[in-house]
PDB file of N, CA and C in Angstrom:
ATOM      1  N   MET A   1     -15.171 -25.459   7.696  1.00  0.00           N
ATOM      2  CA  MET A   1     -15.035 -24.039   7.587  1.00  0.00           C
ATOM      3  C   MET A   1     -16.339 -23.375   7.949  1.00  0.00           C
ATOM      4  N   PHE A   2     -16.642 -23.253   9.191  1.00  0.00           N
ATOM      5  CA  PHE A   2     -17.811 -22.584   9.718  1.00  0.00           C
ATOM      6  C   PHE A   2     -19.148 -23.195   9.213  1.00  0.00           C
ATOM      7  N   GLY A   3     -19.080 -24.462   8.795  1.00  0.00           N
ATOM      8  CA  GLY A   3     -20.268 -25.122   8.316  1.00  0.00           C
ATOM      9  C   GLY A   3     -20.762 -24.699   6.936  1.00  0.00           C
ATOM     10  N   PHE A   4     -19.933 -24.042   6.195  1.00  0.00           N
ATOM     11  CA  PHE A   4     -20.329 -23.633   4.835  1.00  0.00           C
ATOM     12  C   PHE A   4     -20.038 -24.782   3.864  1.00  0.00           C
ATOM     13  N   GLY A   5     -21.009 -25.050   3.050  1.00  0.00           N
ATOM     14  CA  GLY A   5     -20.830 -26.035   2.026  1.00  0.00           C
ATOM     15  C   GLY A   5     -20.507 -25.377   0.695  1.00  0.00           C
ATOM     16  N   VAL A   6     -20.361 -26.177  -0.322  1.00  0.00           N
ATOM     17  CA  VAL A   6     -20.060 -25.624  -1.630  1.00  0.00           C
ATOM     18  C   VAL A   6     -21.123 -24.719  -2.146  1.00  0.00           C
ATOM     19  N   THR A   7     -22.399 -25.075  -1.906  1.00  0.00           N
ATOM     20  CA  THR A   7     -23.520 -24.291  -2.411  1.00  0.00           C
ATOM     21  C   THR A   7     -23.536 -22.903  -1.771  1.00  0.00           C
ATOM     22  N   GLU A   8     -23.295 -22.849  -0.462  1.00  0.00           N
ATOM     23  CA  GLU A   8     -23.287 -21.566   0.247  1.00  0.00           C
ATOM     24  C   GLU A   8     -22.148 -20.685  -0.214  1.00  0.00           C
ATOM     25  N   LEU A   9     -20.962 -21.286  -0.431  1.00  0.00           N
ATOM     26  CA  LEU A   9     -19.854 -20.491  -0.909  1.00  0.00           C
ATOM     27  C   LEU A   9     -20.067 -19.958  -2.354  1.00  0.00           C
ATOM     28  N   VAL A  10     -20.696 -20.746  -3.202  1.00  0.00           N
ATOM     29  CA  VAL A  10     -21.022 -20.274  -4.545  1.00  0.00           C
ATOM     30  C   VAL A  10     -22.027 -19.168  -4.476  1.00  0.00           C
ATOM     31  N   LEU A  11     -23.044 -19.314  -3.631  1.00  0.00           N
ATOM     32  CA  LEU A  11     -24.076 -18.243  -3.470  1.00  0.00           C
ATOM     33  C   LEU A  11     -23.419 -16.920  -2.991  1.00  0.00           C
ATOM     34  N   ILE A  12     -22.535 -17.023  -2.012  1.00  0.00           N
ATOM     35  CA  ILE A  12     -21.823 -15.822  -1.500  1.00  0.00           C
ATOM     36  C   ILE A  12     -21.002 -15.198  -2.586  1.00  0.00           C
ATOM     37  N   LEU A  13     -20.295 -16.011  -3.419  1.00  0.00           N
ATOM     38  CA  LEU A  13     -19.528 -15.511  -4.489  1.00  0.00           C
ATOM     39  C   LEU A  13     -20.360 -14.790  -5.526  1.00  0.00           C
ATOM     40  N   VAL A  14     -21.530 -15.358  -5.851  1.00  0.00           N
ATOM     41  CA  VAL A  14     -22.452 -14.746  -6.844  1.00  0.00           C
ATOM     42  C   VAL A  14     -22.936 -13.421  -6.300  1.00  0.00           C
ATOM     43  N   ILE A  15     -23.307 -13.328  -5.031  1.00  0.00           N
ATOM     44  CA  ILE A  15     -23.748 -12.089  -4.433  1.00  0.00           C
ATOM     45  C   ILE A  15     -22.666 -11.030  -4.491  1.00  0.00           C
ATOM     46  N   ILE A  16     -21.417 -11.410  -4.140  1.00  0.00           N
ATOM     47  CA  ILE A  16     -20.287 -10.458  -4.217  1.00  0.00           C
ATOM     48  C   ILE A  16     -20.072 -10.010  -5.649  1.00  0.00           C
ATOM     49  N   LEU A  17     -20.197 -10.913  -6.586  1.00  0.00           N
ATOM     50  CA  LEU A  17     -20.024 -10.598  -8.005  1.00  0.00           C
ATOM     51  C   LEU A  17     -21.065  -9.588  -8.469  1.00  0.00           C
ATOM     52  N   VAL A  18     -22.288  -9.740  -8.017  1.00  0.00           N
ATOM     53  CA  VAL A  18     -23.386  -8.825  -8.403  1.00  0.00           C
ATOM     54  C   VAL A  18     -23.123  -7.457  -7.763  1.00  0.00           C
ATOM     55  N   ILE A  19     -22.722  -7.406  -6.494  1.00  0.00           N
ATOM     56  CA  ILE A  19     -22.537  -6.143  -5.798  1.00  0.00           C
ATOM     57  C   ILE A  19     -21.329  -5.366  -6.378  1.00  0.00           C
ATOM     58  N   PHE A  20     -20.202  -5.985  -6.506  1.00  0.00           N
ATOM     59  CA  PHE A  20     -18.995  -5.302  -6.891  1.00  0.00           C
ATOM     60  C   PHE A  20     -18.699  -5.325  -8.362  1.00  0.00           C
ATOM     61  N   GLY A  21     -19.171  -6.282  -9.075  1.00  0.00           N
ATOM     62  CA  GLY A  21     -18.868  -6.436 -10.484  1.00  0.00           C
ATOM     63  C   GLY A  21     -17.561  -7.227 -10.718  1.00  0.00           C
ATOM     64  N   ALA A  22     -17.472  -7.736 -11.936  1.00  0.00           N
ATOM     65  CA  ALA A  22     -16.346  -8.598 -12.221  1.00  0.00           C
ATOM     66  C   ALA A  22     -15.027  -7.836 -12.291  1.00  0.00           C
ATOM     67  N   GLY A  23     -15.034  -6.559 -12.652  1.00  0.00           N
ATOM     68  CA  GLY A  23     -13.805  -5.758 -12.780  1.00  0.00           C
ATOM     69  C   GLY A  23     -13.163  -5.418 -11.450  1.00  0.00           C
ATOM     70  N   LYS A  24     -13.955  -5.380 -10.417  1.00  0.00           N
ATOM     71  CA  LYS A  24     -13.436  -4.976  -9.100  1.00  0.00           C
ATOM     72  C   LYS A  24     -12.947  -6.177  -8.276  1.00  0.00           C
ATOM     73  N   LEU A  25     -13.336  -7.370  -8.637  1.00  0.00           N
ATOM     74  CA  LEU A  25     -12.931  -8.530  -7.841  1.00  0.00           C
ATOM     75  C   LEU A  25     -11.366  -8.722  -7.736  1.00  0.00           C
ATOM     76  N   PRO A  26     -10.620  -8.567  -8.771  1.00  0.00           N
ATOM     77  CA  PRO A  26      -9.126  -8.705  -8.582  1.00  0.00           C
ATOM     78  C   PRO A  26      -8.593  -7.607  -7.652  1.00  0.00           C
ATOM     79  N   GLU A  27      -9.137  -6.375  -7.741  1.00  0.00           N
ATOM     80  CA  GLU A  27      -8.654  -5.298  -6.822  1.00  0.00           C
ATOM     81  C   GLU A  27      -9.044  -5.642  -5.400  1.00  0.00           C
ATOM     82  N   ILE A  28     -10.223  -6.158  -5.134  1.00  0.00           N
ATOM     83  CA  ILE A  28     -10.636  -6.522  -3.796  1.00  0.00           C
ATOM     84  C   ILE A  28      -9.758  -7.640  -3.236  1.00  0.00           C
ATOM     85  N   GLY A  29      -9.480  -8.647  -4.116  1.00  0.00           N
ATOM     86  CA  GLY A  29      -8.624  -9.735  -3.704  1.00  0.00           C
ATOM     87  C   GLY A  29      -7.217  -9.305  -3.374  1.00  0.00           C
ATOM     88  N   ALA A  30      -6.659  -8.404  -4.171  1.00  0.00           N
ATOM     89  CA  ALA A  30      -5.322  -7.892  -3.920  1.00  0.00           C
ATOM     90  C   ALA A  30      -5.305  -7.095  -2.627  1.00  0.00           C
ATOM     91  N   GLY A  31      -6.319  -6.300  -2.416  1.00  0.00           N
ATOM     92  CA  GLY A  31      -6.399  -5.499  -1.196  1.00  0.00           C
ATOM     93  C   GLY A  31      -6.503  -6.406   0.018  1.00  0.00           C
ATOM     94  N   LEU A  32      -7.308  -7.450   0.005  1.00  0.00           N
ATOM     95  CA  LEU A  32      -7.431  -8.350   1.092  1.00  0.00           C
ATOM     96  C   LEU A  32      -6.096  -9.101   1.361  1.00  0.00           C
ATOM     97  N   GLY A  33      -5.428  -9.473   0.280  1.00  0.00           N
ATOM     98  CA  GLY A  33      -4.168 -10.193   0.433  1.00  0.00           C
ATOM     99  C   GLY A  33      -3.113  -9.301   1.092  1.00  0.00           C
ATOM    100  N   LYS A  34      -3.033  -8.021   0.701  1.00  0.00           N
ATOM    101  CA  LYS A  34      -2.071  -7.063   1.316  1.00  0.00           C
ATOM    102  C   LYS A  34      -2.408  -6.841   2.756  1.00  0.00           C
ATOM    103  N   GLY A  35      -3.746  -6.737   3.005  1.00  0.00           N
ATOM    104  CA  GLY A  35      -4.159  -6.488   4.378  1.00  0.00           C
ATOM    105  C   GLY A  35      -3.805  -7.657   5.335  1.00  0.00           C
ATOM    106  N   ILE A  36      -4.039  -8.879   4.839  1.00  0.00           N
ATOM    107  CA  ILE A  36      -3.656 -10.037   5.610  1.00  0.00           C
ATOM    108  C   ILE A  36      -2.166 -10.153   5.834  1.00  0.00           C
ATOM    109  N   LYS A  37      -1.392  -9.808   4.789  1.00  0.00           N
ATOM    110  CA  LYS A  37       0.052  -9.848   4.894  1.00  0.00           C
ATOM    111  C   LYS A  37       0.585  -8.823   5.915  1.00  0.00           C
ATOM    112  N   ASN A  38       0.007  -7.597   5.861  1.00  0.00           N
ATOM    113  CA  ASN A  38       0.393  -6.601   6.826  1.00  0.00           C
ATOM    114  C   ASN A  38      -0.027  -6.955   8.215  1.00  0.00           C
ATOM    115  N   PHE A  39      -1.156  -7.575   8.369  1.00  0.00           N
ATOM    116  CA  PHE A  39      -1.634  -8.016   9.694  1.00  0.00           C
ATOM    117  C   PHE A  39      -0.707  -9.015  10.274  1.00  0.00           C
ATOM    118  N   LYS A  40      -0.249  -9.992   9.438  1.00  0.00           N
ATOM    119  CA  LYS A  40       0.656 -11.041   9.898  1.00  0.00           C
ATOM    120  C   LYS A  40       1.988 -10.447  10.339  1.00  0.00           C
ATOM    121  N   LYS A  41       2.473  -9.454   9.597  1.00  0.00           N
ATOM    122  CA  LYS A  41       3.714  -8.804   9.927  1.00  0.00           C
ATOM    123  C   LYS A  41       3.602  -8.047  11.246  1.00  0.00           C
ATOM    124  N   ALA A  42       2.438  -7.429  11.470  1.00  0.00           N
ATOM    125  CA  ALA A  42       2.232  -6.617  12.686  1.00  0.00           C
ATOM    126  C   ALA A  42       2.122  -7.532  13.873  1.00  0.00           C
ATOM    127  N   THR A  43       1.528  -8.724  13.728  1.00  0.00           N
ATOM    128  CA  THR A  43       1.375  -9.610  14.884  1.00  0.00           C
ATOM    129  C   THR A  43       2.666 -10.284  15.242  1.00  0.00           C
ATOM    130  N   THR A  44       3.576 -10.467  14.299  1.00  0.00           N
ATOM    131  CA  THR A  44       4.844 -11.110  14.630  1.00  0.00           C
ATOM    132  C   THR A  44       5.788 -10.170  15.338  1.00  0.00           C
ATOM    133  N   GLY A  45       5.533  -8.883  15.255  1.00  0.00           N
ATOM    134  CA  GLY A  45       6.363  -7.887  15.976  1.00  0.00           C
ATOM    135  C   GLY A  45       7.545  -7.351  15.208  1.00  0.00           C
ATOM    136  N   GLU A  46       7.621  -7.671  13.933  1.00  0.00           N
ATOM    137  CA  GLU A  46       8.739  -7.145  13.146  1.00  0.00           C
ATOM    138  C   GLU A  46       8.448  -5.737  12.724  1.00  0.00           C
ATOM    139  N   ASP A  47       9.252  -4.782  13.212  1.00  0.00           N
ATOM    140  CA  ASP A  47       9.090  -3.382  12.879  1.00  0.00           C
ATOM    141  C   ASP A  47      10.026  -3.001  11.763  1.00  0.00           C
ATOM    142  N   GLU A  48       9.536  -2.894  10.542  1.00  0.00           N
ATOM    143  CA  GLU A  48      10.374  -2.576   9.395  1.00  0.00           C
ATOM    144  C   GLU A  48      10.224  -1.148   8.987  1.00  0.00           C
ATOM    145  N   ILE A  49       9.247  -0.431   9.557  1.00  0.00           N
ATOM    146  CA  ILE A  49       8.979   0.918   9.127  1.00  0.00           C
ATOM    147  C   ILE A  49       9.843   1.900   9.952  1.00  0.00           C
ATOM    148  N   ASP A  50      10.618   2.713   9.303  1.00  0.00           N
ATOM    149  CA  ASP A  50      11.431   3.727   9.960  1.00  0.00           C
ATOM    150  C   ASP A  50      10.732   5.069   9.750  1.00  0.00           C
ATOM    151  N   VAL A  51      10.272   5.711  10.840  1.00  0.00           N
ATOM    152  CA  VAL A  51       9.542   6.945  10.703  1.00  0.00           C
ATOM    153  C   VAL A  51      10.373   8.169  10.980  1.00  0.00           C
ATOM    154  N   THR A  52      11.672   8.021  11.089  1.00  0.00           N
ATOM    155  CA  THR A  52      12.490   9.166  11.366  1.00  0.00           C
ATOM    156  C   THR A  52      12.637   9.968  10.035  1.00  0.00           C
ATOM    157  N   PRO A  53      12.525  11.291  10.107  1.00  0.00           N
ATOM    158  CA  PRO A  53      12.605  12.083   8.882  1.00  0.00           C
ATOM    159  C   PRO A  53      14.029  12.105   8.343  1.00  0.00           C
ATOM    160  N   GLU A  54      14.113  12.103   7.005  1.00  0.00           N
ATOM    161  CA  GLU A  54      15.405  12.159   6.346  1.00  0.00           C
ATOM    162  C   GLU A  54      15.884  13.603   6.274  1.00  0.00           C
ATOM    163  N   LYS A  55      17.208  13.769   6.430  1.00  0.00           N
ATOM    164  CA  LYS A  55      17.817  15.114   6.315  1.00  0.00           C
ATOM    165  C   LYS A  55      18.026  15.417   4.853  1.00  0.00           C
ATOM    166  N   LYS A  56      17.575  16.592   4.420  1.00  0.00           N
ATOM    167  CA  LYS A  56      17.760  17.004   3.062  1.00  0.00           C
ATOM    168  C   LYS A  56      19.073  17.844   3.038  1.00  0.00           C
ATOM    169  N   GLU A  57      19.985  17.445   2.162  1.00  0.00           N
ATOM    170  CA  GLU A  57      21.242  18.167   2.057  1.00  0.00           C
ATOM    171  C   GLU A  57      21.122  19.227   0.954  1.00  0.00           C
ATOM    172  N   ILE A  58      21.398  20.458   1.265  1.00  0.00           N
ATOM    173  CA  ILE A  58      21.336  21.550   0.310  1.00  0.00           C
ATOM    174  C   ILE A  58      22.737  21.839  -0.222  1.00  0.00           C
ATOM    175  N   ASP A  59      22.878  21.803  -1.529  1.00  0.00           N
ATOM    176  CA  ASP A  59      24.117  22.087  -2.136  1.00  0.00           C
ATOM    177  C   ASP A  59      24.256  23.586  -2.266  1.00  0.00           C
ATOM    178  N   GLU A  60      24.938  24.197  -1.347  1.00  0.00           N
ATOM    179  CA  GLU A  60      25.089  25.662  -1.322  1.00  0.00           C
ATOM    180  C   GLU A  60      26.077  26.193  -2.353  1.00  0.00           C
ATOM    181  N   GLY A  61      26.919  25.364  -2.849  1.00  0.00           N
ATOM    182  CA  GLY A  61      27.913  25.769  -3.805  1.00  0.00           C
ATOM    183  C   GLY A  61      27.281  26.221  -5.141  1.00  0.00           C
ATOM    184  N   ASP A  62      26.202  25.621  -5.546  1.00  0.00           N
ATOM    185  CA  ASP A  62      25.517  26.032  -6.790  1.00  0.00           C
ATOM    186  C   ASP A  62      24.903  27.426  -6.659  1.00  0.00           C
ATOM    187  N   GLU A  63      24.350  27.721  -5.509  1.00  0.00           N
ATOM    188  CA  GLU A  63      23.713  29.037  -5.301  1.00  0.00           C
ATOM    189  C   GLU A  63      24.753  30.139  -5.304  1.00  0.00           C
ATOM    190  N   ASP A  64      25.920  29.914  -4.763  1.00  0.00           N
ATOM    191  CA  ASP A  64      26.974  30.919  -4.722  1.00  0.00           C
ATOM    192  C   ASP A  64      27.495  31.233  -6.158  1.00  0.00           C
ATOM    193  N   ASP A  65      27.582  30.207  -6.958  1.00  0.00           N
ATOM    194  CA  ASP A  65      28.044  30.374  -8.359  1.00  0.00           C
ATOM    195  C   ASP A  65      27.103  31.292  -9.139  1.00  0.00           C
ATOM    196  N   GLU A  66      25.786  31.078  -8.945  1.00  0.00           N
ATOM    197  CA  GLU A  66      24.814  31.897  -9.637  1.00  0.00           C
ATOM    198  C   GLU A  66      24.871  33.369  -9.238  1.00  0.00           C
ATOM    199  N   ASP A  67      25.096  33.599  -7.945  1.00  0.00           N
ATOM    200  CA  ASP A  67      25.151  34.944  -7.430  1.00  0.00           C
ATOM    201  C   ASP A  67      26.389  35.682  -7.995  1.00  0.00           C
ATOM    202  N   ASP A  68      27.510  34.925  -8.146  1.00  0.00           N
ATOM    203  CA  ASP A  68      28.731  35.589  -8.651  1.00  0.00           C
ATOM    204  C   ASP A  68      28.525  35.983 -10.102  1.00  0.00           C
ATOM    205  N   GLU A  69      27.770  35.257 -10.881  1.00  0.00           N
ATOM    206  CA  GLU A  69      27.552  35.580 -12.254  1.00  0.00           C
ATOM    207  C   GLU A  69      26.741  36.818 -12.397  1.00  0.00           C
ATOM    208  N   ASP A  70      25.764  37.035 -11.508  1.00  0.00           N
ATOM    209  CA  ASP A  70      24.890  38.167 -11.583  1.00  0.00           C
ATOM    210  C   ASP A  70      25.587  39.466 -11.236  1.00  0.00           C
ATOM    211  N   LYS A  71      26.583  39.401 -10.320  1.00  0.00           N
ATOM    212  CA  LYS A  71      27.323  40.588  -9.851  1.00  0.00           C
ATOM    213  C   LYS A  71      28.336  41.084 -10.888  1.00  0.00           C
ATOM    214  N   SER A  72      28.830  40.225 -11.768  1.00  0.00           N
ATOM    215  CA  SER A  72      29.872  40.637 -12.688  1.00  0.00           C
ATOM    216  C   SER A  72      29.358  41.244 -13.959  1.00  0.00           C
TER     217      SER A  72
END
């Protein structure tokens, strides 16, 4: 793995721990995992995202009922 030994990996982990702190490491790991997962999906060519806007249906019957009550 790029010529890194156990000592170098432990040293890099300690430096990252000092910079980001112990509380942020799980968030960083989760973010990296999601990023790698999304990258793999993007490279395989699977398009799962639908960007077409949804049509909002307006229930006009309720508005007419309220207007009738005000007039009477």
